[in-house]
Amino acid sequence: MTAEKSGGVIGTWGRLAAQLRKDSGVTFRLHDLRRTCRTLMSRLGIDRDTAELAIGHKRAGLEAIYNLDEAWQRRCEAFAKVSNHVAARLRIASAEGKVVALPARS
């Protein structure tokens, strides 16, 4: 993900998460989001290797020595699949009146 203003890497995850916690009233850690994403990847049929690489886990043992493919295209496809799934769930929840809009950032 890139920063809106600079186009560079987002280095303020902590502040963004704190603001989201404040706005949503939900207590969570960034690791909770990572765990949720990995769980959704399993449920959506994304293979284990791709899902583990996508959340930043490194390969181990002989696999790490001999398989140097970083699988960027598969990772992008995995995140797109999760994103589409979440968007669909939000559309359904919104239609049922279960989504609350958060205040816009200034």
Protein backbone atom coordinates (compact mmCIF):
# COMPACT_ATOMS: atom_id res chain seq x y z
CA MET A 1 0.00 0.00 0.00
CA THR A 2 1.28 3.46 -0.78
CA ALA A 3 0.84 6.76 1.00
CA GLU A 4 -1.75 9.09 -0.53
CA LYS A 5 0.42 12.21 -0.55
CA SER A 6 3.92 10.92 -1.28
CA GLY A 7 3.16 7.70 -3.16
CA GLY A 8 5.78 6.04 -0.97
CA VAL A 9 5.50 3.27 1.58
CA ILE A 10 3.11 3.97 4.45
CA GLY A 11 5.16 4.34 7.60
CA THR A 12 2.36 5.43 9.93
CA TRP A 13 0.45 2.17 10.43
CA GLY A 14 0.37 2.73 14.18
CA ARG A 15 -1.26 6.14 13.86
CA LEU A 16 -3.71 4.90 11.21
CA ALA A 17 -4.70 1.94 13.38
CA ALA A 18 -5.11 4.17 16.45
CA GLN A 19 -7.40 6.49 14.50
CA LEU A 20 -9.43 3.56 13.18
CA ARG A 21 -9.78 2.15 16.71
CA LYS A 22 -10.94 5.56 17.93
CA ASP A 23 -13.39 6.11 15.07
CA SER A 24 -14.81 2.59 15.12
CA GLY A 25 -14.87 2.02 18.87
CA VAL A 26 -13.39 -1.45 18.28
CA THR A 27 -10.29 -2.58 20.15
CA PHE A 28 -7.91 -4.49 17.86
CA ARG A 29 -4.24 -4.81 17.03
CA LEU A 30 -2.76 -4.74 13.52
CA HIS A 31 -1.85 -8.40 14.01
CA ASP A 32 -5.57 -9.16 14.34
CA LEU A 33 -6.10 -7.81 10.82
CA ARG A 34 -3.20 -9.92 9.54
CA ARG A 35 -4.65 -13.03 11.16
CA THR A 36 -8.10 -12.27 9.71
CA CYS A 37 -6.63 -11.81 6.23
CA ARG A 38 -4.78 -15.14 6.46
CA THR A 39 -7.93 -16.92 7.63
CA LEU A 40 -9.93 -15.46 4.75
CA MET A 41 -7.27 -16.62 2.31
CA SER A 42 -7.74 -20.19 3.55
CA ARG A 43 -11.52 -19.93 3.31
CA LEU A 44 -11.25 -18.52 -0.22
CA GLY A 45 -9.09 -21.42 -1.42
CA ILE A 46 -5.78 -19.60 -1.75
CA ASP A 47 -2.92 -22.09 -1.54
CA ARG A 48 -0.88 -22.21 1.67
CA ASP A 49 2.42 -21.09 0.11
CA THR A 50 0.89 -17.99 -1.47
CA ALA A 51 -1.08 -17.09 1.67
CA GLU A 52 1.96 -17.44 3.93
CA LEU A 53 4.12 -15.33 1.62
CA ALA A 54 1.35 -12.74 1.36
CA ILE A 55 1.29 -12.13 5.10
CA GLY A 56 5.07 -11.93 5.27
CA HIS A 57 6.09 -15.39 6.43
CA LYS A 58 9.31 -16.74 4.93
CA ARG A 59 9.72 -20.24 3.59
CA ALA A 60 11.69 -22.63 5.78
CA GLY A 61 14.18 -25.45 5.27
CA LEU A 62 14.85 -26.81 1.79
CA GLU A 63 11.92 -24.86 0.39
CA ALA A 64 13.66 -21.62 1.37
CA ILE A 65 16.93 -22.78 -0.17
CA TYR A 66 15.57 -23.98 -3.51
CA ASN A 67 12.43 -21.95 -4.14
CA LEU A 68 13.38 -18.31 -4.57
CA ASP A 69 10.16 -17.33 -6.37
CA GLU A 70 8.56 -14.49 -4.42
CA ALA A 71 5.19 -15.12 -6.14
CA TRP A 72 4.27 -11.45 -6.51
CA GLN A 73 1.52 -12.05 -9.07
CA ARG A 74 -0.07 -14.78 -6.93
CA ARG A 75 0.16 -12.56 -3.84
CA CYS A 76 -1.56 -9.70 -5.68
CA GLU A 77 -4.29 -12.06 -6.84
CA ALA A 78 -4.73 -13.37 -3.28
CA PHE A 79 -5.13 -9.87 -1.85
CA ALA A 80 -7.54 -8.95 -4.65
CA LYS A 81 -9.63 -12.02 -3.84
CA VAL A 82 -9.76 -11.11 -0.14
CA SER A 83 -10.54 -7.48 -0.97
CA ASN A 84 -13.39 -8.47 -3.29
CA HIS A 85 -14.78 -10.84 -0.64
CA VAL A 86 -14.71 -8.14 2.06
CA ALA A 87 -16.26 -5.58 -0.31
CA ALA A 88 -19.07 -8.00 -1.13
CA ARG A 89 -19.71 -8.65 2.58
CA LEU A 90 -19.78 -4.90 3.24
CA ARG A 91 -22.30 -4.37 0.42
CA ILE A 92 -24.55 -7.04 1.93
CA ALA A 93 -24.17 -5.64 5.45
CA SER A 94 -24.76 -2.11 4.20
CA ALA A 95 -27.96 -3.16 2.43
CA GLU A 96 -29.10 -4.68 5.73
CA GLY A 97 -28.31 -1.43 7.59
CA LYS A 98 -25.42 -2.98 9.54
CA VAL A 99 -22.62 -0.67 8.34
CA VAL A 100 -21.84 2.59 10.10
CA ALA A 101 -19.89 5.24 8.19
CA LEU A 102 -16.73 6.46 9.90
CA PRO A 103 -15.96 10.19 9.85
CA ALA A 104 -13.81 11.31 6.93
CA ARG A 105 -10.16 12.11 7.65
CA SER A 106 -9.15 15.70 7.16
